Amino acid sequence: MSFAALESLFTVTGAAFYSLQVAPTAALTGEACNRNTLIGLEILIHDYSDTAALMAQFDLVISADTSVAHLAGALGCPVWVLLPFAPDWRWLLERDNSPWYPTLRLFRQSAPGDWSSVAH
């Protein structure tokens, strides 16, 4: 998923957005950080315990199917996971929740490559 696919999320009024991306992928969020729509936290993250500590402060974690999504779910943080049309088998099919993580909600592509249907 390209970072640009998420930019519509940053128009939500009254919300602040933080990036848990670390180098080298943190560079992908640079343009949004420069527009003050996203606050990069990569300088604070050295390992998963740092990521976990930051997540514990958030109202919600929004993630693609990455280790961050699994960490948030394992910690019991509210997390929304954006899934491709053909997701990993662990997310099962035709459901918007997960038996593994009760605080997790799944958002699935309605067609291959259609991230706009997920991040609207």
C-alpha atoms as a PDB file:
ATOM      1  CA  MET A   1       0.000   0.000   0.000  1.00  0.00           C
ATOM      2  CA  SER A   2       1.321   3.435  -0.821  1.00  0.00           C
ATOM      3  CA  PHE A   3       1.330   6.045   1.891  1.00  0.00           C
ATOM      4  CA  ALA A   4      -0.729   8.325  -0.386  1.00  0.00           C
ATOM      5  CA  ALA A   5      -3.625   5.858  -0.072  1.00  0.00           C
ATOM      6  CA  LEU A   6      -3.992   6.892   3.579  1.00  0.00           C
ATOM      7  CA  GLU A   7      -3.940  10.638   3.102  1.00  0.00           C
ATOM      8  CA  SER A   8      -7.729  10.956   3.134  1.00  0.00           C
ATOM      9  CA  LEU A   9      -7.609   9.877   6.776  1.00  0.00           C
ATOM     10  CA  PHE A  10      -5.669  13.005   7.689  1.00  0.00           C
ATOM     11  CA  THR A  11      -8.659  15.224   6.928  1.00  0.00           C
ATOM     12  CA  VAL A  12     -10.499  14.046  10.064  1.00  0.00           C
ATOM     13  CA  THR A  13     -11.216  17.113  12.153  1.00  0.00           C
ATOM     14  CA  GLY A  14     -10.016  17.088  15.744  1.00  0.00           C
ATOM     15  CA  ALA A  15      -7.639  14.154  15.329  1.00  0.00           C
ATOM     16  CA  ALA A  16      -3.858  14.088  15.561  1.00  0.00           C
ATOM     17  CA  PHE A  17      -1.912  11.473  13.618  1.00  0.00           C
ATOM     18  CA  TYR A  18       1.429   9.938  14.571  1.00  0.00           C
ATOM     19  CA  SER A  19       3.680   7.687  12.529  1.00  0.00           C
ATOM     20  CA  LEU A  20       5.300   4.606  14.045  1.00  0.00           C
ATOM     21  CA  GLN A  21       7.281   3.968  10.850  1.00  0.00           C
ATOM     22  CA  VAL A  22      11.015   3.561  11.375  1.00  0.00           C
ATOM     23  CA  ALA A  23      13.915   3.923   8.942  1.00  0.00           C
ATOM     24  CA  PRO A  24      14.137   3.371   6.041  1.00  0.00           C
ATOM     25  CA  THR A  25      10.358   3.416   5.581  1.00  0.00           C
ATOM     26  CA  ALA A  26       9.968   6.525   7.746  1.00  0.00           C
ATOM     27  CA  ALA A  27      11.096   8.519   4.715  1.00  0.00           C
ATOM     28  CA  LEU A  28       7.806   7.596   3.019  1.00  0.00           C
ATOM     29  CA  THR A  29       5.871   9.673   5.537  1.00  0.00           C
ATOM     30  CA  GLY A  30       8.092  12.727   5.151  1.00  0.00           C
ATOM     31  CA  GLU A  31       5.765  14.777   2.930  1.00  0.00           C
ATOM     32  CA  ALA A  32       2.826  14.417   5.320  1.00  0.00           C
ATOM     33  CA  CYS A  33       5.102  15.279   8.244  1.00  0.00           C
ATOM     34  CA  ASN A  34       6.186  18.418   6.419  1.00  0.00           C
ATOM     35  CA  ARG A  35       2.522  19.446   6.003  1.00  0.00           C
ATOM     36  CA  ASN A  36       1.953  18.916   9.749  1.00  0.00           C
ATOM     37  CA  THR A  37      -0.726  16.301   9.132  1.00  0.00           C
ATOM     38  CA  LEU A  38       1.425  13.540  10.585  1.00  0.00           C
ATOM     39  CA  ILE A  39       3.918  13.607  13.434  1.00  0.00           C
ATOM     40  CA  GLY A  40       6.838  11.229  12.970  1.00  0.00           C
ATOM     41  CA  LEU A  41       7.975   9.405  16.096  1.00  0.00           C
ATOM     42  CA  GLU A  42      10.820   7.388  14.560  1.00  0.00           C
ATOM     43  CA  ILE A  43      13.431   9.165  16.688  1.00  0.00           C
ATOM     44  CA  LEU A  44      11.763   7.733  19.809  1.00  0.00           C
ATOM     45  CA  ILE A  45      11.610   4.132  18.568  1.00  0.00           C
ATOM     46  CA  HIS A  46      14.569   1.824  19.118  1.00  0.00           C
ATOM     47  CA  ASP A  47      12.760  -1.482  19.659  1.00  0.00           C
ATOM     48  CA  TYR A  48       9.306  -3.001  20.097  1.00  0.00           C
ATOM     49  CA  SER A  49       9.086  -1.933  23.736  1.00  0.00           C
ATOM     50  CA  ASP A  50       9.327   1.701  22.566  1.00  0.00           C
ATOM     51  CA  THR A  51       6.627   1.060  19.969  1.00  0.00           C
ATOM     52  CA  ALA A  52       4.431  -0.596  22.600  1.00  0.00           C
ATOM     53  CA  ALA A  53       4.878   2.296  25.027  1.00  0.00           C
ATOM     54  CA  LEU A  54       3.863   4.805  22.365  1.00  0.00           C
ATOM     55  CA  MET A  55       0.848   2.754  21.255  1.00  0.00           C
ATOM     56  CA  ALA A  56      -0.393   2.590  24.828  1.00  0.00           C
ATOM     57  CA  GLN A  57      -0.839   6.374  24.685  1.00  0.00           C
ATOM     58  CA  PHE A  58      -2.964   6.373  21.507  1.00  0.00           C
ATOM     59  CA  ASP A  59      -6.739   6.254  21.273  1.00  0.00           C
ATOM     60  CA  LEU A  60      -6.452   4.098  18.157  1.00  0.00           C
ATOM     61  CA  VAL A  61      -3.743   2.443  16.061  1.00  0.00           C
ATOM     62  CA  ILE A  62      -4.355   2.218  12.305  1.00  0.00           C
ATOM     63  CA  SER A  63      -2.063  -0.182  10.473  1.00  0.00           C
ATOM     64  CA  ALA A  64      -1.660  -2.367   7.447  1.00  0.00           C
ATOM     65  CA  ASP A  65      -1.013  -6.051   8.174  1.00  0.00           C
ATOM     66  CA  THR A  66       2.340  -5.524   9.884  1.00  0.00           C
ATOM     67  CA  SER A  67       4.030  -6.395  13.139  1.00  0.00           C
ATOM     68  CA  VAL A  68       2.616  -3.142  14.551  1.00  0.00           C
ATOM     69  CA  ALA A  69      -0.935  -4.437  14.036  1.00  0.00           C
ATOM     70  CA  HIS A  70      -0.109  -7.688  15.822  1.00  0.00           C
ATOM     71  CA  LEU A  71       1.673  -5.881  18.656  1.00  0.00           C
ATOM     72  CA  ALA A  72      -1.267  -3.517  19.173  1.00  0.00           C
ATOM     73  CA  GLY A  73      -3.685  -6.435  19.153  1.00  0.00           C
ATOM     74  CA  ALA A  74      -1.579  -8.440  21.596  1.00  0.00           C
ATOM     75  CA  LEU A  75      -1.401  -5.437  23.937  1.00  0.00           C
ATOM     76  CA  GLY A  76      -5.164  -4.953  23.802  1.00  0.00           C
ATOM     77  CA  CYS A  77      -4.893  -1.549  22.136  1.00  0.00           C
ATOM     78  CA  PRO A  78      -7.761  -0.519  19.871  1.00  0.00           C
ATOM     79  CA  VAL A  79      -6.455  -1.194  16.358  1.00  0.00           C
ATOM     80  CA  TRP A  80      -7.868  -1.001  12.852  1.00  0.00           C
ATOM     81  CA  VAL A  81      -6.080  -3.180  10.313  1.00  0.00           C
ATOM     82  CA  LEU A  82      -6.263  -2.365   6.604  1.00  0.00           C
ATOM     83  CA  LEU A  83      -6.217  -5.572   4.577  1.00  0.00           C
ATOM     84  CA  PRO A  84      -5.689  -6.292   0.891  1.00  0.00           C
ATOM     85  CA  PHE A  85      -8.374  -8.087  -1.114  1.00  0.00           C
ATOM     86  CA  ALA A  86      -6.539 -11.415  -0.652  1.00  0.00           C
ATOM     87  CA  PRO A  87      -5.298 -11.180   2.946  1.00  0.00           C
ATOM     88  CA  ASP A  88      -3.042 -13.453   4.916  1.00  0.00           C
ATOM     89  CA  TRP A  89      -4.914 -16.564   6.078  1.00  0.00           C
ATOM     90  CA  ARG A  90      -4.663 -15.525   9.739  1.00  0.00           C
ATOM     91  CA  TRP A  91      -7.324 -12.859   9.204  1.00  0.00           C
ATOM     92  CA  LEU A  92      -9.809 -15.451   7.956  1.00  0.00           C
ATOM     93  CA  LEU A  93     -12.473 -14.381   5.449  1.00  0.00           C
ATOM     94  CA  GLU A  94     -15.683 -12.367   5.482  1.00  0.00           C
ATOM     95  CA  ARG A  95     -15.372 -10.929   8.966  1.00  0.00           C
ATOM     96  CA  ASP A  96     -14.465  -7.557  10.408  1.00  0.00           C
ATOM     97  CA  ASN A  97     -13.001  -8.786  13.669  1.00  0.00           C
ATOM     98  CA  SER A  98     -10.367 -11.246  14.811  1.00  0.00           C
ATOM     99  CA  PRO A  99     -10.648 -14.210  17.159  1.00  0.00           C
ATOM    100  CA  TRP A 100      -7.014 -13.577  18.159  1.00  0.00           C
ATOM    101  CA  TYR A 101      -7.336  -9.933  19.156  1.00  0.00           C
ATOM    102  CA  PRO A 102     -10.659  -8.721  20.632  1.00  0.00           C
ATOM    103  CA  THR A 103      -9.770  -5.008  20.297  1.00  0.00           C
ATOM    104  CA  LEU A 104      -8.992  -5.300  16.585  1.00  0.00           C
ATOM    105  CA  ARG A 105     -11.242  -4.347  13.667  1.00  0.00           C
ATOM    106  CA  LEU A 106     -10.548  -5.377  10.068  1.00  0.00           C
ATOM    107  CA  PHE A 107     -11.107  -3.202   7.001  1.00  0.00           C
ATOM    108  CA  ARG A 108     -10.849  -5.132   3.735  1.00  0.00           C
ATOM    109  CA  GLN A 109     -10.351  -4.011   0.147  1.00  0.00           C
ATOM    110  CA  SER A 110     -13.492  -4.534  -1.907  1.00  0.00           C
ATOM    111  CA  ALA A 111     -11.393  -5.192  -5.030  1.00  0.00           C
ATOM    112  CA  PRO A 112      -7.696  -5.910  -5.644  1.00  0.00           C
ATOM    113  CA  GLY A 113      -5.621  -2.720  -5.392  1.00  0.00           C
ATOM    114  CA  ASP A 114      -8.564  -0.568  -4.218  1.00  0.00           C
ATOM    115  CA  TRP A 115      -7.254   1.097  -1.063  1.00  0.00           C
ATOM    116  CA  SER A 116      -9.748   3.950  -1.367  1.00  0.00           C
ATOM    117  CA  SER A 117     -12.490   1.512  -0.303  1.00  0.00           C
ATOM    118  CA  VAL A 118     -10.505   0.818   2.878  1.00  0.00           C
ATOM    119  CA  ALA A 119      -9.305   4.300   3.855  1.00  0.00           C
ATOM    120  CA  HIS A 120     -12.439   6.369   3.345  1.00  0.00           C
END
